[in-house]
PDB file of N, CA and C in Angstrom:
ATOM      1  N   MET A   1     101.895  87.184  52.707  1.00  0.00           N
ATOM      2  CA  MET A   1     103.005  87.795  51.796  1.00  0.00           C
ATOM      3  C   MET A   1     103.259  89.103  51.839  1.00  0.00           C
ATOM      4  N   PRO A   2     104.419  90.153  52.172  1.00  0.00           N
ATOM      5  CA  PRO A   2     104.562  91.370  52.020  1.00  0.00           C
ATOM      6  C   PRO A   2     104.145  91.901  50.752  1.00  0.00           C
ATOM      7  N   THR A   3     104.069  93.140  50.964  1.00  0.00           N
ATOM      8  CA  THR A   3     103.482  93.886  49.420  1.00  0.00           C
ATOM      9  C   THR A   3     104.645  94.905  49.262  1.00  0.00           C
ATOM     10  N   PHE A   4     105.765  94.621  48.524  1.00  0.00           N
ATOM     11  CA  PHE A   4     106.915  95.106  47.612  1.00  0.00           C
ATOM     12  C   PHE A   4     106.377  96.247  46.465  1.00  0.00           C
ATOM     13  N   SER A   5     106.842  97.597  47.186  1.00  0.00           N
ATOM     14  CA  SER A   5     107.012  98.862  45.898  1.00  0.00           C
ATOM     15  C   SER A   5     108.437  99.474  46.080  1.00  0.00           C
ATOM     16  N   THR A   6     108.220 100.302  45.266  1.00  0.00           N
ATOM     17  CA  THR A   6     109.860 101.255  45.352  1.00  0.00           C
ATOM     18  C   THR A   6     108.737 102.573  45.094  1.00  0.00           C
ATOM     19  N   LEU A   7     110.086 103.574  45.663  1.00  0.00           N
ATOM     20  CA  LEU A   7     109.682 105.425  45.945  1.00  0.00           C
ATOM     21  C   LEU A   7     111.090 106.071  46.105  1.00  0.00           C
ATOM     22  N   PRO A   8     110.786 107.393  45.746  1.00  0.00           N
ATOM     23  CA  PRO A   8     112.441 107.916  46.022  1.00  0.00           C
ATOM     24  C   PRO A   8     112.460 108.089  47.337  1.00  0.00           C
ATOM     25  N   ILE A   9     114.107 108.145  47.579  1.00  0.00           N
ATOM     26  CA  ILE A   9     114.874 107.825  49.132  1.00  0.00           C
ATOM     27  C   ILE A   9     114.444 109.416  49.621  1.00  0.00           C
ATOM     28  N   GLY A  10     113.912 110.097  49.078  1.00  0.00           N
ATOM     29  CA  GLY A  10     113.566 111.527  49.944  1.00  0.00           C
ATOM     30  C   GLY A  10     112.174 111.090  50.191  1.00  0.00           C
ATOM     31  N   GLU A  11     111.669 110.428  49.745  1.00  0.00           N
ATOM     32  CA  GLU A  11     109.905 110.123  50.545  1.00  0.00           C
ATOM     33  C   GLU A  11     110.116 109.302  51.315  1.00  0.00           C
ATOM     34  N   ALA A  12     110.903 108.296  51.170  1.00  0.00           N
ATOM     35  CA  ALA A  12     111.062 107.596  52.179  1.00  0.00           C
ATOM     36  C   ALA A  12     111.833 107.535  53.406  1.00  0.00           C
ATOM     37  N   ARG A  13     112.553 108.869  52.953  1.00  0.00           N
ATOM     38  CA  ARG A  13     113.084 109.595  54.543  1.00  0.00           C
ATOM     39  C   ARG A  13     112.060 110.615  55.397  1.00  0.00           C
ATOM     40  N   ALA A  14     111.056 110.891  54.074  1.00  0.00           N
ATOM     41  CA  ALA A  14     110.083 111.545  54.745  1.00  0.00           C
ATOM     42  C   ALA A  14     109.398 111.138  55.801  1.00  0.00           C
ATOM     43  N   ARG A  15     108.200 110.497  54.855  1.00  0.00           N
ATOM     44  CA  ARG A  15     107.482 109.623  55.620  1.00  0.00           C
ATOM     45  C   ARG A  15     108.235 108.068  56.815  1.00  0.00           C
ATOM     46  N   SER A  16     109.434 108.102  57.174  1.00  0.00           N
ATOM     47  CA  SER A  16     109.787 106.726  57.751  1.00  0.00           C
ATOM     48  C   SER A  16     110.655 107.636  59.241  1.00  0.00           C
ATOM     49  N   ALA A  17     111.205 109.030  59.091  1.00  0.00           N
ATOM     50  CA  ALA A  17     111.457 109.661  60.341  1.00  0.00           C
ATOM     51  C   ALA A  17     110.748 109.893  61.480  1.00  0.00           C
ATOM     52  N   THR A  18     111.278 110.146  62.521  1.00  0.00           N
ATOM     53  CA  THR A  18     110.227 110.275  63.726  1.00  0.00           C
ATOM     54  C   THR A  18     111.078 111.349  64.686  1.00  0.00           C
ATOM     55  N   GLY A  19     110.123 111.333  65.662  1.00  0.00           N
ATOM     56  CA  GLY A  19     110.911 112.351  66.234  1.00  0.00           C
ATOM     57  C   GLY A  19     109.745 114.040  66.020  1.00  0.00           C
ATOM     58  N   LYS A  20     109.803 115.175  66.877  1.00  0.00           N
ATOM     59  CA  LYS A  20     109.372 116.171  66.397  1.00  0.00           C
ATOM     60  C   LYS A  20     109.614 116.680  65.098  1.00  0.00           C
ATOM     61  N   ARG A  21     110.185 116.718  65.127  1.00  0.00           N
ATOM     62  CA  ARG A  21     111.226 117.472  63.348  1.00  0.00           C
ATOM     63  C   ARG A  21     110.124 116.569  62.369  1.00  0.00           C
ATOM     64  N   ALA A  22     110.372 115.456  62.465  1.00  0.00           N
ATOM     65  CA  ALA A  22     109.424 114.468  61.801  1.00  0.00           C
ATOM     66  C   ALA A  22     108.136 114.984  61.898  1.00  0.00           C
ATOM     67  N   ALA A  23     107.371 114.657  63.152  1.00  0.00           N
ATOM     68  CA  ALA A  23     106.289 115.184  62.648  1.00  0.00           C
ATOM     69  C   ALA A  23     106.027 116.233  62.354  1.00  0.00           C
ATOM     70  N   LEU A  24     106.557 117.578  61.964  1.00  0.00           N
ATOM     71  CA  LEU A  24     106.369 118.978  61.374  1.00  0.00           C
ATOM     72  C   LEU A  24     106.536 118.583  60.158  1.00  0.00           C
ATOM     73  N   LEU A  25     107.663 118.078  59.704  1.00  0.00           N
ATOM     74  CA  LEU A  25     107.578 117.504  58.822  1.00  0.00           C
ATOM     75  C   LEU A  25     106.943 116.391  57.547  1.00  0.00           C
ATOM     76  N   GLN A  26     106.346 115.847  58.344  1.00  0.00           N
ATOM     77  CA  GLN A  26     104.772 115.018  57.656  1.00  0.00           C
ATOM     78  C   GLN A  26     104.152 115.926  57.864  1.00  0.00           C
ATOM     79  N   GLU A  27     103.214 116.702  58.541  1.00  0.00           N
ATOM     80  CA  GLU A  27     102.779 118.078  58.508  1.00  0.00           C
ATOM     81  C   GLU A  27     102.664 118.487  57.397  1.00  0.00           C
ATOM     82  N   TYR A  28     103.962 119.378  56.942  1.00  0.00           N
ATOM     83  CA  TYR A  28     104.057 120.332  56.271  1.00  0.00           C
ATOM     84  C   TYR A  28     103.832 119.192  54.671  1.00  0.00           C
ATOM     85  N   VAL A  29     104.588 118.199  54.457  1.00  0.00           N
ATOM     86  CA  VAL A  29     104.170 117.161  53.586  1.00  0.00           C
ATOM     87  C   VAL A  29     102.655 117.545  52.780  1.00  0.00           C
ATOM     88  N   GLY A  30     102.059 116.792  54.214  1.00  0.00           N
ATOM     89  CA  GLY A  30     100.639 116.919  53.897  1.00  0.00           C
ATOM     90  C   GLY A  30     100.078 118.264  53.865  1.00  0.00           C
ATOM     91  N   TYR A  31     100.378 118.948  53.809  1.00  0.00           N
ATOM     92  CA  TYR A  31     100.395 120.563  53.366  1.00  0.00           C
ATOM     93  C   TYR A  31     100.633 120.938  51.362  1.00  0.00           C
ATOM     94  N   ILE A  32     101.698 120.425  51.023  1.00  0.00           N
ATOM     95  CA  ILE A  32     102.116 119.880  49.674  1.00  0.00           C
ATOM     96  C   ILE A  32     101.259 119.307  48.728  1.00  0.00           C
ATOM     97  N   GLU A  33     100.864 118.339  49.882  1.00  0.00           N
ATOM     98  CA  GLU A  33     100.348 116.997  48.481  1.00  0.00           C
ATOM     99  C   GLU A  33      98.503 117.502  48.713  1.00  0.00           C
ATOM    100  N   ARG A  34      98.367 118.247  49.526  1.00  0.00           N
ATOM    101  CA  ARG A  34      96.997 118.813  49.472  1.00  0.00           C
ATOM    102  C   ARG A  34      96.728 120.075  48.087  1.00  0.00           C
ATOM    103  N   VAL A  35      97.505 120.095  48.124  1.00  0.00           N
ATOM    104  CA  VAL A  35      97.175 121.171  47.016  1.00  0.00           C
ATOM    105  C   VAL A  35      97.250 120.697  45.121  1.00  0.00           C
ATOM    106  N   ALA A  36      96.433 120.938  44.866  1.00  0.00           N
ATOM    107  CA  ALA A  36      96.487 120.625  42.944  1.00  0.00           C
ATOM    108  C   ALA A  36      97.196 120.874  42.177  1.00  0.00           C
ATOM    109  N   PRO A  37      97.810 120.490  41.238  1.00  0.00           N
ATOM    110  CA  PRO A  37      98.473 121.315  39.831  1.00  0.00           C
ATOM    111  C   PRO A  37      97.382 122.075  39.726  1.00  0.00           C
ATOM    112  N   GLY A  38      98.432 123.214  39.401  1.00  0.00           N
ATOM    113  CA  GLY A  38      97.059 124.610  38.793  1.00  0.00           C
ATOM    114  C   GLY A  38      96.798 125.733  40.100  1.00  0.00           C
ATOM    115  N   GLU A  39      96.876 124.552  41.102  1.00  0.00           N
ATOM    116  CA  GLU A  39      96.029 125.484  42.521  1.00  0.00           C
ATOM    117  C   GLU A  39      97.529 126.087  43.767  1.00  0.00           C
ATOM    118  N   ALA A  40      97.612 126.782  44.158  1.00  0.00           N
ATOM    119  CA  ALA A  40      98.278 127.279  45.416  1.00  0.00           C
ATOM    120  C   ALA A  40      97.729 127.393  46.630  1.00  0.00           C
ATOM    121  N   GLY A  41      98.502 127.370  47.304  1.00  0.00           N
ATOM    122  CA  GLY A  41      98.457 126.988  49.347  1.00  0.00           C
ATOM    123  C   GLY A  41      98.994 128.132  49.718  1.00  0.00           C
ATOM    124  N   MET A  42      98.277 128.439  50.516  1.00  0.00           N
ATOM    125  CA  MET A  42      98.316 129.579  51.461  1.00  0.00           C
ATOM    126  C   MET A  42      98.291 128.755  53.854  1.00  0.00           C
ATOM    127  N   LEU A  43      99.297 129.335  54.366  1.00  0.00           N
ATOM    128  CA  LEU A  43      99.989 128.774  55.524  1.00  0.00           C
ATOM    129  C   LEU A  43      99.634 130.540  55.971  1.00  0.00           C
ATOM    130  N   GLN A  44      98.882 130.554  56.891  1.00  0.00           N
ATOM    131  CA  GLN A  44      98.729 131.891  57.913  1.00  0.00           C
ATOM    132  C   GLN A  44     100.034 131.353  59.199  1.00  0.00           C
ATOM    133  N   ALA A  45     100.899 132.685  59.154  1.00  0.00           N
ATOM    134  CA  ALA A  45     101.790 132.279  60.876  1.00  0.00           C
ATOM    135  C   ALA A  45     101.104 132.384  61.489  1.00  0.00           C
ATOM    136  N   GLY A  46     100.900 131.693  62.239  1.00  0.00           N
ATOM    137  CA  GLY A  46     100.246 131.219  64.048  1.00  0.00           C
ATOM    138  C   GLY A  46     101.267 131.824  64.998  1.00  0.00           C
ATOM    139  N   GLU A  47     100.483 131.856  66.082  1.00  0.00           N
ATOM    140  CA  GLU A  47     101.308 132.911  67.481  1.00  0.00           C
ATOM    141  C   GLU A  47     103.024 132.187  67.645  1.00  0.00           C
ATOM    142  N   GLY A  48     103.914 132.862  67.546  1.00  0.00           N
ATOM    143  CA  GLY A  48     105.103 132.689  67.610  1.00  0.00           C
ATOM    144  C   GLY A  48     106.245 131.964  66.746  1.00  0.00           C
ATOM    145  N   GLU A  49     105.322 132.082  65.387  1.00  0.00           N
ATOM    146  CA  GLU A  49     105.457 131.608  64.155  1.00  0.00           C
ATOM    147  C   GLU A  49     105.987 132.452  62.868  1.00  0.00           C
ATOM    148  N   THR A  50     107.135 132.503  62.433  1.00  0.00           N
ATOM    149  CA  THR A  50     107.709 133.548  61.015  1.00  0.00           C
ATOM    150  C   THR A  50     107.031 132.453  59.894  1.00  0.00           C
ATOM    151  N   THR A  51     107.096 133.679  59.258  1.00  0.00           N
ATOM    152  CA  THR A  51     106.886 133.157  57.884  1.00  0.00           C
ATOM    153  C   THR A  51     108.105 132.888  56.964  1.00  0.00           C
ATOM    154  N   GLN A  52     109.064 133.504  57.469  1.00  0.00           N
ATOM    155  CA  GLN A  52     110.483 132.326  57.424  1.00  0.00           C
ATOM    156  C   GLN A  52     110.616 131.075  57.402  1.00  0.00           C
ATOM    157  N   ALA A  53     110.095 130.771  58.956  1.00  0.00           N
ATOM    158  CA  ALA A  53     110.204 129.148  59.639  1.00  0.00           C
ATOM    159  C   ALA A  53     109.273 128.436  58.245  1.00  0.00           C
ATOM    160  N   ILE A  54     108.050 128.955  57.674  1.00  0.00           N
ATOM    161  CA  ILE A  54     106.833 128.609  57.296  1.00  0.00           C
ATOM    162  C   ILE A  54     107.105 127.887  55.965  1.00  0.00           C
ATOM    163  N   ARG A  55     108.276 128.676  55.384  1.00  0.00           N
ATOM    164  CA  ARG A  55     108.624 128.951  53.992  1.00  0.00           C
ATOM    165  C   ARG A  55     110.050 127.734  54.246  1.00  0.00           C
ATOM    166  N   ARG A  56     110.922 127.671  54.912  1.00  0.00           N
ATOM    167  CA  ARG A  56     111.750 126.953  55.051  1.00  0.00           C
ATOM    168  C   ARG A  56     111.493 125.302  55.432  1.00  0.00           C
ATOM    169  N   ARG A  57     110.314 125.175  55.904  1.00  0.00           N
ATOM    170  CA  ARG A  57     109.579 123.442  56.098  1.00  0.00           C
ATOM    171  C   ARG A  57     109.013 123.546  55.296  1.00  0.00           C
ATOM    172  N   LEU A  58     108.708 124.219  54.856  1.00  0.00           N
ATOM    173  CA  LEU A  58     107.559 123.897  53.139  1.00  0.00           C
ATOM    174  C   LEU A  58     109.229 123.666  52.375  1.00  0.00           C
ATOM    175  N   ASN A  59     109.687 124.118  52.057  1.00  0.00           N
ATOM    176  CA  ASN A  59     111.024 124.243  51.031  1.00  0.00           C
ATOM    177  C   ASN A  59     111.377 122.788  51.595  1.00  0.00           C
ATOM    178  N   ALA A  60     111.470 122.300  52.720  1.00  0.00           N
ATOM    179  CA  ALA A  60     112.197 120.909  53.555  1.00  0.00           C
ATOM    180  C   ALA A  60     111.387 119.845  53.190  1.00  0.00           C
ATOM    181  N   ALA A  61     110.122 119.582  53.507  1.00  0.00           N
ATOM    182  CA  ALA A  61     109.006 118.909  52.829  1.00  0.00           C
ATOM    183  C   ALA A  61     109.374 118.632  51.075  1.00  0.00           C
ATOM    184  N   ALA A  62     109.091 119.679  50.479  1.00  0.00           N
ATOM    185  CA  ALA A  62     109.354 119.347  48.851  1.00  0.00           C
ATOM    186  C   ALA A  62     110.454 118.735  48.231  1.00  0.00           C
ATOM    187  N   GLU A  63     111.613 119.075  49.262  1.00  0.00           N
ATOM    188  CA  GLU A  63     112.951 118.591  48.884  1.00  0.00           C
ATOM    189  C   GLU A  63     112.559 116.814  49.127  1.00  0.00           C
ATOM    190  N   ALA A  64     112.155 116.595  50.101  1.00  0.00           N
ATOM    191  CA  ALA A  64     111.539 115.362  50.539  1.00  0.00           C
ATOM    192  C   ALA A  64     110.967 114.640  49.638  1.00  0.00           C
ATOM    193  N   LEU A  65     109.705 115.185  48.411  1.00  0.00           N
ATOM    194  CA  LEU A  65     109.564 114.718  48.176  1.00  0.00           C
ATOM    195  C   LEU A  65     109.454 114.604  46.623  1.00  0.00           C
ATOM    196  N   GLY A  66     110.926 115.371  46.357  1.00  0.00           N
ATOM    197  CA  GLY A  66     111.225 115.475  45.120  1.00  0.00           C
ATOM    198  C   GLY A  66     110.615 116.154  44.442  1.00  0.00           C
ATOM    199  N   LYS A  67     110.010 117.491  44.999  1.00  0.00           N
ATOM    200  CA  LYS A  67     109.584 118.768  43.992  1.00  0.00           C
ATOM    201  C   LYS A  67     110.296 119.991  44.587  1.00  0.00           C
ATOM    202  N   ARG A  68     109.894 120.861  43.692  1.00  0.00           N
ATOM    203  CA  ARG A  68     110.391 122.083  43.907  1.00  0.00           C
ATOM    204  C   ARG A  68     108.698 123.243  43.913  1.00  0.00           C
ATOM    205  N   LEU A  69     108.558 123.522  44.640  1.00  0.00           N
ATOM    206  CA  LEU A  69     107.387 124.645  45.082  1.00  0.00           C
ATOM    207  C   LEU A  69     108.084 126.638  44.995  1.00  0.00           C
ATOM    208  N   GLU A  70     107.493 127.446  44.576  1.00  0.00           N
ATOM    209  CA  GLU A  70     107.650 129.004  44.212  1.00  0.00           C
ATOM    210  C   GLU A  70     106.965 129.232  45.381  1.00  0.00           C
ATOM    211  N   PHE A  71     107.582 130.592  46.222  1.00  0.00           N
ATOM    212  CA  PHE A  71     107.424 130.402  47.617  1.00  0.00           C
ATOM    213  C   PHE A  71     106.591 132.487  46.954  1.00  0.00           C
ATOM    214  N   ARG A  72     105.873 132.761  47.447  1.00  0.00           N
ATOM    215  CA  ARG A  72     105.607 134.266  47.724  1.00  0.00           C
ATOM    216  C   ARG A  72     105.432 134.665  49.309  1.00  0.00           C
ATOM    217  N   ARG A  73     105.817 135.002  50.415  1.00  0.00           N
ATOM    218  CA  ARG A  73     105.281 135.808  51.769  1.00  0.00           C
ATOM    219  C   ARG A  73     104.666 136.902  51.628  1.00  0.00           C
ATOM    220  N   THR A  74     104.126 137.077  52.483  1.00  0.00           N
ATOM    221  CA  THR A  74     103.412 138.805  53.198  1.00  0.00           C
ATOM    222  C   THR A  74     103.739 138.600  54.730  1.00  0.00           C
ATOM    223  N   ALA A  75     103.305 139.650  55.172  1.00  0.00           N
ATOM    224  CA  ALA A  75     103.665 139.663  56.867  1.00  0.00           C
ATOM    225  C   ALA A  75     103.158 138.962  57.908  1.00  0.00           C
ATOM    226  N   SER A  76     102.278 138.034  57.335  1.00  0.00           N
ATOM    227  CA  SER A  76     101.955 136.980  57.810  1.00  0.00           C
ATOM    228  C   SER A  76     101.529 135.744  56.943  1.00  0.00           C
ATOM    229  N   ALA A  77     101.683 135.470  56.169  1.00  0.00           N
ATOM    230  CA  ALA A  77     101.194 134.160  55.114  1.00  0.00           C
ATOM    231  C   ALA A  77     102.189 133.841  54.699  1.00  0.00           C
ATOM    232  N   VAL A  78     102.450 132.844  53.792  1.00  0.00           N
ATOM    233  CA  VAL A  78     103.142 131.996  52.977  1.00  0.00           C
ATOM    234  C   VAL A  78     102.647 132.008  51.675  1.00  0.00           C
ATOM    235  N   TYR A  79     102.614 132.341  50.791  1.00  0.00           N
ATOM    236  CA  TYR A  79     101.958 131.752  49.487  1.00  0.00           C
ATOM    237  C   TYR A  79     102.650 130.565  48.587  1.00  0.00           C
ATOM    238  N   PHE A  80     102.297 128.920  48.042  1.00  0.00           N
ATOM    239  CA  PHE A  80     102.980 128.513  47.336  1.00  0.00           C
ATOM    240  C   PHE A  80     102.665 127.462  46.227  1.00  0.00           C
ATOM    241  N   TRP A  81     103.523 127.466  45.485  1.00  0.00           N
ATOM    242  CA  TRP A  81     102.212 126.591  44.696  1.00  0.00           C
ATOM    243  C   TRP A  81     103.938 125.840  43.701  1.00  0.00           C
ATOM    244  N   ALA A  82     103.449 124.169  42.625  1.00  0.00           N
ATOM    245  CA  ALA A  82     104.303 123.644  42.397  1.00  0.00           C
ATOM    246  C   ALA A  82     104.912 124.699  41.268  1.00  0.00           C
ATOM    247  N   SER A  83     106.396 124.861  41.495  1.00  0.00           N
ATOM    248  CA  SER A  83     106.966 125.132  40.362  1.00  0.00           C
ATOM    249  C   SER A  83     107.215 124.815  39.109  1.00  0.00           C
ATOM    250  N   ASP A  84     107.252 125.573  37.847  1.00  0.00           N
ATOM    251  CA  ASP A  84     107.047 124.723  36.343  1.00  0.00           C
ATOM    252  C   ASP A  84     108.187 124.488  36.122  1.00  0.00           C
ATOM    253  N   GLY A  85     109.338 124.842  36.443  1.00  0.00           N
ATOM    254  CA  GLY A  85     110.450 124.422  36.408  1.00  0.00           C
ATOM    255  C   GLY A  85     111.313 125.609  35.362  1.00  0.00           C
ATOM    256  N   ARG A  86     110.752 126.918  35.105  1.00  0.00           N
ATOM    257  CA  ARG A  86     111.436 127.915  33.922  1.00  0.00           C
ATOM    258  C   ARG A  86     111.592 128.540  35.595  1.00  0.00           C
ATOM    259  N   ARG A  87     112.905 129.488  34.781  1.00  0.00           N
ATOM    260  CA  ARG A  87     113.824 130.576  35.347  1.00  0.00           C
ATOM    261  C   ARG A  87     113.291 131.919  35.582  1.00  0.00           C
ATOM    262  N   ARG A  88     112.932 132.515  36.526  1.00  0.00           N
ATOM    263  CA  ARG A  88     112.814 133.941  36.174  1.00  0.00           C
ATOM    264  C   ARG A  88     114.078 135.106  35.555  1.00  0.00           C
ATOM    265  N   GLY A  89     113.741 136.355  35.080  1.00  0.00           N
ATOM    266  CA  GLY A  89     115.066 136.659  34.006  1.00  0.00           C
ATOM    267  C   GLY A  89     114.814 136.405  32.100  1.00  0.00           C
ATOM    268  N   ARG A  90     115.578 136.874  32.379  1.00  0.00           N
ATOM    269  CA  ARG A  90     115.776 136.855  30.625  1.00  0.00           C
ATOM    270  C   ARG A  90     116.687 135.888  30.424  1.00  0.00           C
ATOM    271  N   PRO A  91     116.162 135.250  29.699  1.00  0.00           N
ATOM    272  CA  PRO A  91     117.055 133.716  28.904  1.00  0.00           C
ATOM    273  C   PRO A  91     118.730 134.385  28.316  1.00  0.00           C
ATOM    274  N   ARG A  92     119.768 133.376  28.450  1.00  0.00           N
ATOM    275  CA  ARG A  92     120.788 134.039  28.014  1.00  0.00           C
ATOM    276  C   ARG A  92     120.916 133.993  26.575  1.00  0.00           C
ATOM    277  N   LYS A  93     121.600 135.050  25.835  1.00  0.00           N
ATOM    278  CA  LYS A  93     122.211 135.049  24.522  1.00  0.00           C
ATOM    279  C   LYS A  93     122.981 133.657  24.053  1.00  0.00           C
ATOM    280  N   ASN A  94     124.204 133.556  24.723  1.00  0.00           N
ATOM    281  CA  ASN A  94     124.855 132.769  24.103  1.00  0.00           C
ATOM    282  C   ASN A  94     125.036 131.503  25.585  1.00  0.00           C
ATOM    283  N   PRO A  95     124.592 130.861  25.484  1.00  0.00           N
ATOM    284  CA  PRO A  95     124.166 129.657  26.508  1.00  0.00           C
ATOM    285  C   PRO A  95     125.637 129.191  26.525  1.00  0.00           C
ATOM    286  N   VAL A  96     126.097 128.750  27.807  1.00  0.00           N
ATOM    287  CA  VAL A  96     127.322 127.794  28.217  1.00  0.00           C
ATOM    288  C   VAL A  96     127.523 127.214  27.881  1.00  0.00           C
ATOM    289  N   GLU A  97     128.410 126.237  27.074  1.00  0.00           N
ATOM    290  CA  GLU A  97     128.463 124.747  26.820  1.00  0.00           C
ATOM    291  C   GLU A  97     129.254 124.047  27.537  1.00  0.00           C
TER     292      GLU A  97
END
């Protein structure tokens, strides 16, 4: 008898994709899942990689998992952690309703 469970559609897409892009997506999903709440992850750019590409891949993996990340980049590394949902900057005086 099969076992049934439900999951978000983004996660289903991330876990069932095939091909080279899917393998990369799975790799980055793994990086995100290894970072515990209250921790940050760091990915060092390898040869032939850019921090912009790493950030883009992390963002795609986070979207597939239904998570939001915050990023900081240096010349050769990308730091990331789970977003707490707050936006940067001053709050509006009169919010639009």
